[in-house]
Amino acid sequence: MSTYTQLYIHVVFAVKGRESLIQPEWEEELYKYVTGIVRNKEQKMLAINGMPDHIHFFIGMKPSCSLSDLVREIKKSSNEFIKEKKFTKYKFSWQEGFGAFSYSHSQLTDVIQYIMNQKEHHKKKTFKEEYLDFLNKFDVEYNEQYLFEWLN
């Protein structure tokens, strides 16, 4: 019997210390680079966008792919890419951990639209509010001390 799946995952992670280091001048190049990593790992990028302090991406995944390994590779490689390109004079790195949320096929359009409208969305809601909303909406148990480092 063949394996047939339909797995859609929305991933969110932040810049270490939640510093606003991702600049508009180079964010598109970063997103293209991350998309290339996803494609090289034979996964399908459906949407990618973010803010100066965090990114969101939405992928169609094959079950043979380990999500943790994929995110680790994206963070490691994109961190090196940012340093190589000298996009920022500040020390850049991604914060430990990530959020990952699964969706059904019927939700694809809504999730893609949500990710592509990040700049507009964050005029009304902080990243902390957004992230806590995801955790609560998906009934994810969490310990405040292990969440992202929040800037005051």
N, C-alpha and C. Protein backbone atom coordinates (compact mmCIF):
# COMPACT_ATOMS: atom_id res chain seq x y z
N MET A 1 0.84 -1.19 0.00
CA MET A 1 0.00 0.00 0.00
C MET A 1 0.89 1.25 0.00
N SER A 2 0.51 2.25 -0.75
CA SER A 2 1.24 3.51 -0.79
C SER A 2 0.83 4.39 0.38
N THR A 3 1.65 5.38 0.65
CA THR A 3 1.37 6.33 1.73
C THR A 3 0.82 7.61 1.12
N TYR A 4 -0.34 8.03 1.61
CA TYR A 4 -0.96 9.27 1.16
C TYR A 4 -1.20 10.15 2.38
N THR A 5 -0.74 11.37 2.31
CA THR A 5 -0.91 12.28 3.44
C THR A 5 -1.26 13.68 2.97
N GLN A 6 -1.71 14.47 3.92
CA GLN A 6 -2.00 15.87 3.68
C GLN A 6 -1.69 16.58 5.00
N LEU A 7 -0.47 17.10 5.12
CA LEU A 7 -0.01 17.70 6.36
C LEU A 7 0.36 19.16 6.10
N TYR A 8 -0.29 20.06 6.80
CA TYR A 8 -0.03 21.50 6.65
C TYR A 8 0.37 22.06 8.01
N ILE A 9 1.55 22.65 8.06
CA ILE A 9 2.10 23.13 9.33
C ILE A 9 2.48 24.61 9.22
N HIS A 10 2.03 25.38 10.21
CA HIS A 10 2.36 26.80 10.34
C HIS A 10 3.44 26.88 11.43
N VAL A 11 4.60 27.42 11.08
CA VAL A 11 5.73 27.52 12.00
C VAL A 11 6.01 29.00 12.30
N VAL A 12 6.31 29.27 13.58
CA VAL A 12 6.63 30.62 14.03
C VAL A 12 7.88 30.55 14.91
N PHE A 13 8.85 31.44 14.65
CA PHE A 13 9.96 31.58 15.59
C PHE A 13 10.50 33.01 15.55
N ALA A 14 11.25 33.35 16.61
CA ALA A 14 11.65 34.74 16.83
C ALA A 14 13.16 34.93 16.80
N VAL A 15 13.53 36.17 16.57
CA VAL A 15 14.92 36.60 16.69
C VAL A 15 15.28 36.54 18.18
N LYS A 16 16.49 36.12 18.48
CA LYS A 16 16.92 36.02 19.89
C LYS A 16 16.71 37.35 20.60
N GLY A 17 16.12 37.26 21.79
CA GLY A 17 15.85 38.46 22.57
C GLY A 17 14.73 39.30 22.00
N ARG A 18 14.09 38.75 20.97
CA ARG A 18 13.00 39.44 20.29
C ARG A 18 13.43 40.80 19.76
N GLU A 19 14.72 40.89 19.39
CA GLU A 19 15.22 42.14 18.83
C GLU A 19 14.68 42.32 17.41
N SER A 20 14.38 43.54 17.06
CA SER A 20 13.84 43.87 15.73
C SER A 20 14.98 44.07 14.74
N LEU A 21 15.57 42.95 14.30
CA LEU A 21 16.75 43.02 13.43
C LEU A 21 16.47 42.72 11.97
N ILE A 22 15.34 42.11 11.66
CA ILE A 22 15.02 41.80 10.26
C ILE A 22 14.50 43.08 9.60
N GLN A 23 15.28 43.59 8.67
CA GLN A 23 14.96 44.87 8.05
C GLN A 23 14.25 44.69 6.70
N PRO A 24 13.36 45.64 6.36
CA PRO A 24 12.63 45.56 5.09
C PRO A 24 13.53 45.46 3.87
N GLU A 25 14.74 46.04 3.94
CA GLU A 25 15.64 46.03 2.79
C GLU A 25 16.10 44.62 2.42
N TRP A 26 16.11 43.69 3.38
CA TRP A 26 16.62 42.36 3.09
C TRP A 26 15.70 41.22 3.50
N GLU A 27 14.54 41.52 4.05
CA GLU A 27 13.65 40.44 4.49
C GLU A 27 13.22 39.54 3.33
N GLU A 28 12.98 40.12 2.16
CA GLU A 28 12.55 39.32 1.01
C GLU A 28 13.63 38.31 0.61
N GLU A 29 14.87 38.73 0.66
CA GLU A 29 15.98 37.83 0.34
C GLU A 29 16.07 36.70 1.38
N LEU A 30 15.83 37.04 2.64
CA LEU A 30 15.81 36.02 3.71
C LEU A 30 14.69 35.02 3.45
N TYR A 31 13.51 35.51 3.10
CA TYR A 31 12.37 34.62 2.85
C TYR A 31 12.63 33.70 1.66
N LYS A 32 13.27 34.23 0.62
CA LYS A 32 13.62 33.40 -0.54
C LYS A 32 14.62 32.32 -0.14
N TYR A 33 15.57 32.68 0.71
CA TYR A 33 16.57 31.73 1.16
C TYR A 33 15.91 30.61 1.97
N VAL A 34 15.03 30.97 2.90
CA VAL A 34 14.32 29.98 3.72
C VAL A 34 13.46 29.09 2.82
N THR A 35 12.81 29.69 1.83
CA THR A 35 12.00 28.92 0.88
C THR A 35 12.87 27.90 0.15
N GLY A 36 14.08 28.30 -0.22
CA GLY A 36 15.00 27.38 -0.88
C GLY A 36 15.36 26.19 0.00
N ILE A 37 15.56 26.42 1.28
CA ILE A 37 15.86 25.33 2.21
C ILE A 37 14.68 24.36 2.27
N VAL A 38 13.48 24.91 2.39
CA VAL A 38 12.27 24.08 2.46
C VAL A 38 12.15 23.23 1.20
N ARG A 39 12.35 23.84 0.06
CA ARG A 39 12.25 23.11 -1.22
C ARG A 39 13.34 22.05 -1.36
N ASN A 40 14.56 22.39 -0.92
CA ASN A 40 15.67 21.43 -0.98
C ASN A 40 15.41 20.22 -0.09
N LYS A 41 14.61 20.40 0.92
CA LYS A 41 14.23 19.29 1.82
C LYS A 41 12.96 18.60 1.31
N GLU A 42 12.55 18.95 0.08
CA GLU A 42 11.41 18.35 -0.61
C GLU A 42 10.07 18.59 0.08
N GLN A 43 9.96 19.77 0.70
CA GLN A 43 8.69 20.19 1.30
C GLN A 43 8.17 21.36 0.47
N LYS A 44 6.92 21.73 0.67
CA LYS A 44 6.31 22.77 -0.16
C LYS A 44 6.01 24.02 0.68
N MET A 45 6.65 25.14 0.30
CA MET A 45 6.39 26.42 0.96
C MET A 45 5.08 26.99 0.41
N LEU A 46 4.15 27.26 1.31
CA LEU A 46 2.86 27.82 0.91
C LEU A 46 2.79 29.33 1.17
N ALA A 47 3.49 29.78 2.23
CA ALA A 47 3.52 31.22 2.55
C ALA A 47 4.65 31.47 3.54
N ILE A 48 5.26 32.65 3.42
CA ILE A 48 6.29 33.07 4.38
C ILE A 48 6.22 34.58 4.49
N ASN A 49 6.32 35.07 5.73
CA ASN A 49 6.28 36.51 5.98
C ASN A 49 6.63 36.71 7.45
N GLY A 50 6.73 37.93 7.85
CA GLY A 50 7.04 38.17 9.25
C GLY A 50 7.13 39.63 9.59
N MET A 51 7.78 39.85 10.70
CA MET A 51 7.99 41.18 11.25
C MET A 51 9.48 41.30 11.56
N PRO A 52 9.93 42.47 11.98
CA PRO A 52 11.36 42.62 12.29
C PRO A 52 11.88 41.68 13.39
N ASP A 53 10.98 41.16 14.22
CA ASP A 53 11.43 40.32 15.34
C ASP A 53 11.01 38.85 15.25
N HIS A 54 10.28 38.45 14.22
CA HIS A 54 9.87 37.04 14.09
C HIS A 54 9.40 36.74 12.68
N ILE A 55 9.37 35.42 12.36
CA ILE A 55 8.84 35.02 11.05
C ILE A 55 7.81 33.91 11.21
N HIS A 56 6.95 33.85 10.21
CA HIS A 56 5.94 32.79 10.08
C HIS A 56 6.17 32.13 8.73
N PHE A 57 6.02 30.82 8.68
CA PHE A 57 5.93 30.17 7.37
C PHE A 57 4.97 29.00 7.47
N PHE A 58 4.37 28.68 6.34
CA PHE A 58 3.33 27.67 6.24
C PHE A 58 3.76 26.70 5.16
N ILE A 59 3.86 25.42 5.53
CA ILE A 59 4.36 24.43 4.58
C ILE A 59 3.44 23.23 4.46
N GLY A 60 3.50 22.62 3.28
CA GLY A 60 2.92 21.30 3.08
C GLY A 60 4.06 20.32 3.32
N MET A 61 3.86 19.41 4.26
CA MET A 61 4.94 18.49 4.65
C MET A 61 4.69 17.06 4.23
N LYS A 62 5.78 16.38 3.94
CA LYS A 62 5.74 14.93 3.73
C LYS A 62 6.02 14.27 5.08
N PRO A 63 5.44 13.11 5.34
CA PRO A 63 5.64 12.47 6.64
C PRO A 63 7.07 12.00 6.88
N SER A 64 7.86 11.89 5.83
CA SER A 64 9.25 11.46 5.99
C SER A 64 10.14 12.56 6.55
N CYS A 65 9.64 13.78 6.61
CA CYS A 65 10.42 14.92 7.08
C CYS A 65 10.19 15.12 8.58
N SER A 66 11.26 15.33 9.30
CA SER A 66 11.17 15.67 10.72
C SER A 66 11.06 17.19 10.83
N LEU A 67 9.98 17.66 11.42
CA LEU A 67 9.76 19.10 11.55
C LEU A 67 10.88 19.75 12.37
N SER A 68 11.26 19.12 13.47
CA SER A 68 12.33 19.69 14.31
C SER A 68 13.64 19.81 13.53
N ASP A 69 13.97 18.78 12.75
CA ASP A 69 15.20 18.83 11.95
C ASP A 69 15.12 19.92 10.89
N LEU A 70 13.95 20.06 10.27
CA LEU A 70 13.76 21.09 9.25
C LEU A 70 13.92 22.49 9.85
N VAL A 71 13.28 22.76 10.97
CA VAL A 71 13.37 24.08 11.60
C VAL A 71 14.80 24.34 12.06
N ARG A 72 15.45 23.33 12.61
CA ARG A 72 16.85 23.49 13.05
C ARG A 72 17.73 23.87 11.85
N GLU A 73 17.53 23.20 10.71
CA GLU A 73 18.31 23.51 9.50
C GLU A 73 18.01 24.92 8.99
N ILE A 74 16.75 25.30 9.00
CA ILE A 74 16.37 26.65 8.56
C ILE A 74 17.03 27.70 9.44
N LYS A 75 16.96 27.52 10.74
CA LYS A 75 17.56 28.50 11.66
C LYS A 75 19.07 28.57 11.49
N LYS A 76 19.72 27.41 11.47
CA LYS A 76 21.19 27.36 11.36
C LYS A 76 21.65 27.99 10.05
N SER A 77 21.08 27.55 8.93
CA SER A 77 21.51 28.03 7.62
C SER A 77 21.16 29.50 7.40
N SER A 78 19.97 29.92 7.80
CA SER A 78 19.58 31.32 7.58
C SER A 78 20.39 32.25 8.48
N ASN A 79 20.75 31.79 9.67
CA ASN A 79 21.61 32.57 10.56
C ASN A 79 22.97 32.80 9.89
N GLU A 80 23.54 31.75 9.32
CA GLU A 80 24.82 31.88 8.61
C GLU A 80 24.68 32.77 7.38
N PHE A 81 23.56 32.65 6.67
CA PHE A 81 23.29 33.46 5.48
C PHE A 81 23.24 34.95 5.86
N ILE A 82 22.56 35.28 6.93
CA ILE A 82 22.44 36.68 7.38
C ILE A 82 23.82 37.23 7.75
N LYS A 83 24.63 36.42 8.41
CA LYS A 83 25.98 36.85 8.79
C LYS A 83 26.87 37.02 7.55
N GLU A 84 26.82 36.05 6.63
CA GLU A 84 27.61 36.10 5.40
C GLU A 84 27.29 37.35 4.58
N LYS A 85 26.00 37.65 4.47
CA LYS A 85 25.55 38.79 3.67
C LYS A 85 25.75 40.12 4.40
N LYS A 86 26.10 40.04 5.69
CA LYS A 86 26.29 41.25 6.52
C LYS A 86 25.06 42.15 6.47
N PHE A 87 23.89 41.51 6.61
CA PHE A 87 22.64 42.26 6.57
C PHE A 87 22.49 43.19 7.77
N THR A 88 23.11 42.83 8.89
CA THR A 88 22.98 43.67 10.08
C THR A 88 24.33 43.77 10.77
N LYS A 89 24.58 44.93 11.37
CA LYS A 89 25.84 45.11 12.10
C LYS A 89 25.74 44.53 13.51
N TYR A 90 24.53 44.13 13.89
CA TYR A 90 24.31 43.57 15.21
C TYR A 90 24.45 42.05 15.17
N LYS A 91 24.74 41.46 16.32
CA LYS A 91 24.86 40.00 16.41
C LYS A 91 23.47 39.40 16.20
N PHE A 92 23.32 38.60 15.16
CA PHE A 92 22.02 38.03 14.83
C PHE A 92 22.01 36.55 15.15
N SER A 93 20.94 36.11 15.80
CA SER A 93 20.67 34.67 15.94
C SER A 93 19.20 34.50 16.26
N TRP A 94 18.73 33.28 16.00
CA TRP A 94 17.34 32.95 16.29
C TRP A 94 17.22 32.46 17.72
N GLN A 95 16.12 32.75 18.33
CA GLN A 95 15.85 32.27 19.67
C GLN A 95 15.60 30.76 19.65
N GLU A 96 15.88 30.09 20.74
CA GLU A 96 15.61 28.65 20.83
C GLU A 96 14.11 28.40 20.75
N GLY A 97 13.77 27.26 20.22
CA GLY A 97 12.37 26.84 20.18
C GLY A 97 11.60 27.44 19.02
N PHE A 98 10.38 26.94 18.86
CA PHE A 98 9.48 27.43 17.81
C PHE A 98 8.07 26.97 18.15
N GLY A 99 7.12 27.58 17.48
CA GLY A 99 5.74 27.13 17.57
C GLY A 99 5.37 26.48 16.25
N ALA A 100 4.59 25.41 16.32
CA ALA A 100 4.14 24.73 15.10
C ALA A 100 2.69 24.31 15.30
N PHE A 101 1.86 24.65 14.33
CA PHE A 101 0.43 24.43 14.43
C PHE A 101 -0.08 23.81 13.14
N SER A 102 -0.89 22.78 13.26
CA SER A 102 -1.37 22.07 12.07
C SER A 102 -2.76 22.56 11.66
N TYR A 103 -2.99 22.51 10.36
CA TYR A 103 -4.26 22.96 9.80
C TYR A 103 -4.77 21.96 8.79
N SER A 104 -6.06 22.04 8.52
CA SER A 104 -6.67 21.18 7.51
C SER A 104 -6.63 21.86 6.15
N HIS A 105 -6.88 21.09 5.11
CA HIS A 105 -6.88 21.62 3.74
C HIS A 105 -7.90 22.76 3.58
N SER A 106 -9.02 22.67 4.24
CA SER A 106 -10.06 23.70 4.12
C SER A 106 -9.62 25.04 4.71
N GLN A 107 -8.55 25.06 5.49
CA GLN A 107 -8.07 26.29 6.12
C GLN A 107 -6.90 26.94 5.38
N LEU A 108 -6.44 26.33 4.29
CA LEU A 108 -5.27 26.82 3.57
C LEU A 108 -5.35 28.30 3.23
N THR A 109 -6.41 28.71 2.58
CA THR A 109 -6.54 30.10 2.14
C THR A 109 -6.48 31.07 3.31
N ASP A 110 -7.16 30.74 4.39
CA ASP A 110 -7.17 31.62 5.57
C ASP A 110 -5.79 31.75 6.20
N VAL A 111 -5.08 30.64 6.33
CA VAL A 111 -3.75 30.68 6.94
C VAL A 111 -2.76 31.43 6.05
N ILE A 112 -2.80 31.17 4.76
CA ILE A 112 -1.92 31.88 3.82
C ILE A 112 -2.19 33.38 3.89
N GLN A 113 -3.45 33.75 3.88
CA GLN A 113 -3.81 35.17 3.96
C GLN A 113 -3.34 35.78 5.28
N TYR A 114 -3.51 35.05 6.37
CA TYR A 114 -3.06 35.53 7.68
C TYR A 114 -1.55 35.81 7.66
N ILE A 115 -0.78 34.88 7.14
CA ILE A 115 0.67 35.04 7.11
C ILE A 115 1.07 36.19 6.19
N MET A 116 0.45 36.29 5.03
CA MET A 116 0.82 37.34 4.09
C MET A 116 0.43 38.74 4.58
N ASN A 117 -0.48 38.82 5.54
CA ASN A 117 -0.93 40.10 6.09
C ASN A 117 -0.32 40.40 7.46
N GLN A 118 0.86 39.87 7.73
CA GLN A 118 1.48 40.07 9.03
C GLN A 118 1.67 41.54 9.42
N LYS A 119 2.15 42.34 8.49
CA LYS A 119 2.42 43.75 8.83
C LYS A 119 1.14 44.46 9.26
N GLU A 120 0.07 44.19 8.55
CA GLU A 120 -1.23 44.80 8.88
C GLU A 120 -1.76 44.24 10.21
N HIS A 121 -1.64 42.95 10.37
CA HIS A 121 -2.13 42.27 11.57
C HIS A 121 -1.47 42.81 12.84
N HIS A 122 -0.16 43.06 12.75
CA HIS A 122 0.57 43.50 13.95
C HIS A 122 0.39 44.98 14.27
N LYS A 123 -0.40 45.67 13.51
CA LYS A 123 -0.77 47.03 13.89
C LYS A 123 -1.79 46.96 15.02
N LYS A 124 -2.46 45.80 15.15
CA LYS A 124 -3.52 45.63 16.15
C LYS A 124 -3.13 44.72 17.31
N LYS A 125 -2.15 43.86 17.09
CA LYS A 125 -1.82 42.84 18.08
C LYS A 125 -0.31 42.63 18.16
N THR A 126 0.21 42.55 19.39
CA THR A 126 1.64 42.30 19.56
C THR A 126 1.96 40.84 19.26
N PHE A 127 3.24 40.56 19.07
CA PHE A 127 3.66 39.18 18.83
C PHE A 127 3.31 38.32 20.04
N LYS A 128 3.52 38.83 21.23
CA LYS A 128 3.19 38.07 22.44
C LYS A 128 1.71 37.70 22.46
N GLU A 129 0.85 38.67 22.19
CA GLU A 129 -0.60 38.40 22.15
C GLU A 129 -0.92 37.36 21.08
N GLU A 130 -0.31 37.52 19.91
CA GLU A 130 -0.53 36.59 18.81
C GLU A 130 -0.11 35.18 19.20
N TYR A 131 1.08 35.05 19.76
CA TYR A 131 1.62 33.73 20.09
C TYR A 131 0.80 33.05 21.19
N LEU A 132 0.46 33.80 22.21
CA LEU A 132 -0.38 33.23 23.28
C LEU A 132 -1.75 32.84 22.76
N ASP A 133 -2.28 33.60 21.82
CA ASP A 133 -3.55 33.23 21.18
C ASP A 133 -3.44 31.88 20.47
N PHE A 134 -2.33 31.67 19.75
CA PHE A 134 -2.12 30.38 19.07
C PHE A 134 -2.08 29.24 20.09
N LEU A 135 -1.30 29.42 21.14
CA LEU A 135 -1.17 28.37 22.15
C LEU A 135 -2.52 28.03 22.77
N ASN A 136 -3.29 29.06 23.07
CA ASN A 136 -4.60 28.84 23.68
C ASN A 136 -5.60 28.25 22.70
N LYS A 137 -5.62 28.77 21.47
CA LYS A 137 -6.53 28.28 20.44
C LYS A 137 -6.31 26.79 20.15
N PHE A 138 -5.05 26.38 20.17
CA PHE A 138 -4.71 24.99 19.87
C PHE A 138 -4.62 24.11 21.13
N ASP A 139 -4.99 24.70 22.27
CA ASP A 139 -4.98 23.96 23.54
C ASP A 139 -3.60 23.38 23.87
N VAL A 140 -2.57 24.17 23.62
CA VAL A 140 -1.21 23.73 23.90
C VAL A 140 -0.87 24.12 25.34
N GLU A 141 -0.51 23.13 26.14
CA GLU A 141 -0.08 23.43 27.51
C GLU A 141 1.31 24.04 27.44
N TYR A 142 1.54 25.08 28.22
CA TYR A 142 2.85 25.74 28.20
C TYR A 142 3.17 26.28 29.58
N ASN A 143 4.46 26.50 29.78
CA ASN A 143 4.96 27.09 31.01
C ASN A 143 5.54 28.44 30.62
N GLU A 144 5.06 29.50 31.24
CA GLU A 144 5.51 30.87 30.91
C GLU A 144 7.03 31.00 30.88
N GLN A 145 7.73 30.31 31.79
CA GLN A 145 9.19 30.47 31.86
C GLN A 145 9.90 29.91 30.64
N TYR A 146 9.21 29.06 29.85
CA TYR A 146 9.85 28.47 28.68
C TYR A 146 9.38 29.09 27.36
N LEU A 147 8.59 30.14 27.45
CA LEU A 147 8.17 30.84 26.23
C LEU A 147 9.32 31.72 25.75
N PHE A 148 9.13 32.35 24.60
CA PHE A 148 10.14 33.25 24.06
C PHE A 148 10.52 34.31 25.10
N GLU A 149 11.73 34.82 24.98
CA GLU A 149 12.15 35.92 25.82
C GLU A 149 11.41 37.17 25.34
N TRP A 150 10.54 37.69 26.17
CA TRP A 150 9.74 38.86 25.77
C TRP A 150 10.46 40.14 26.13
N LEU A 151 10.47 41.08 25.22
CA LEU A 151 10.98 42.42 25.53
C LEU A 151 9.89 43.17 26.28
N ASN A 152 10.29 43.94 27.24
CA ASN A 152 9.28 44.72 28.01
C ASN A 152 8.92 45.99 27.30
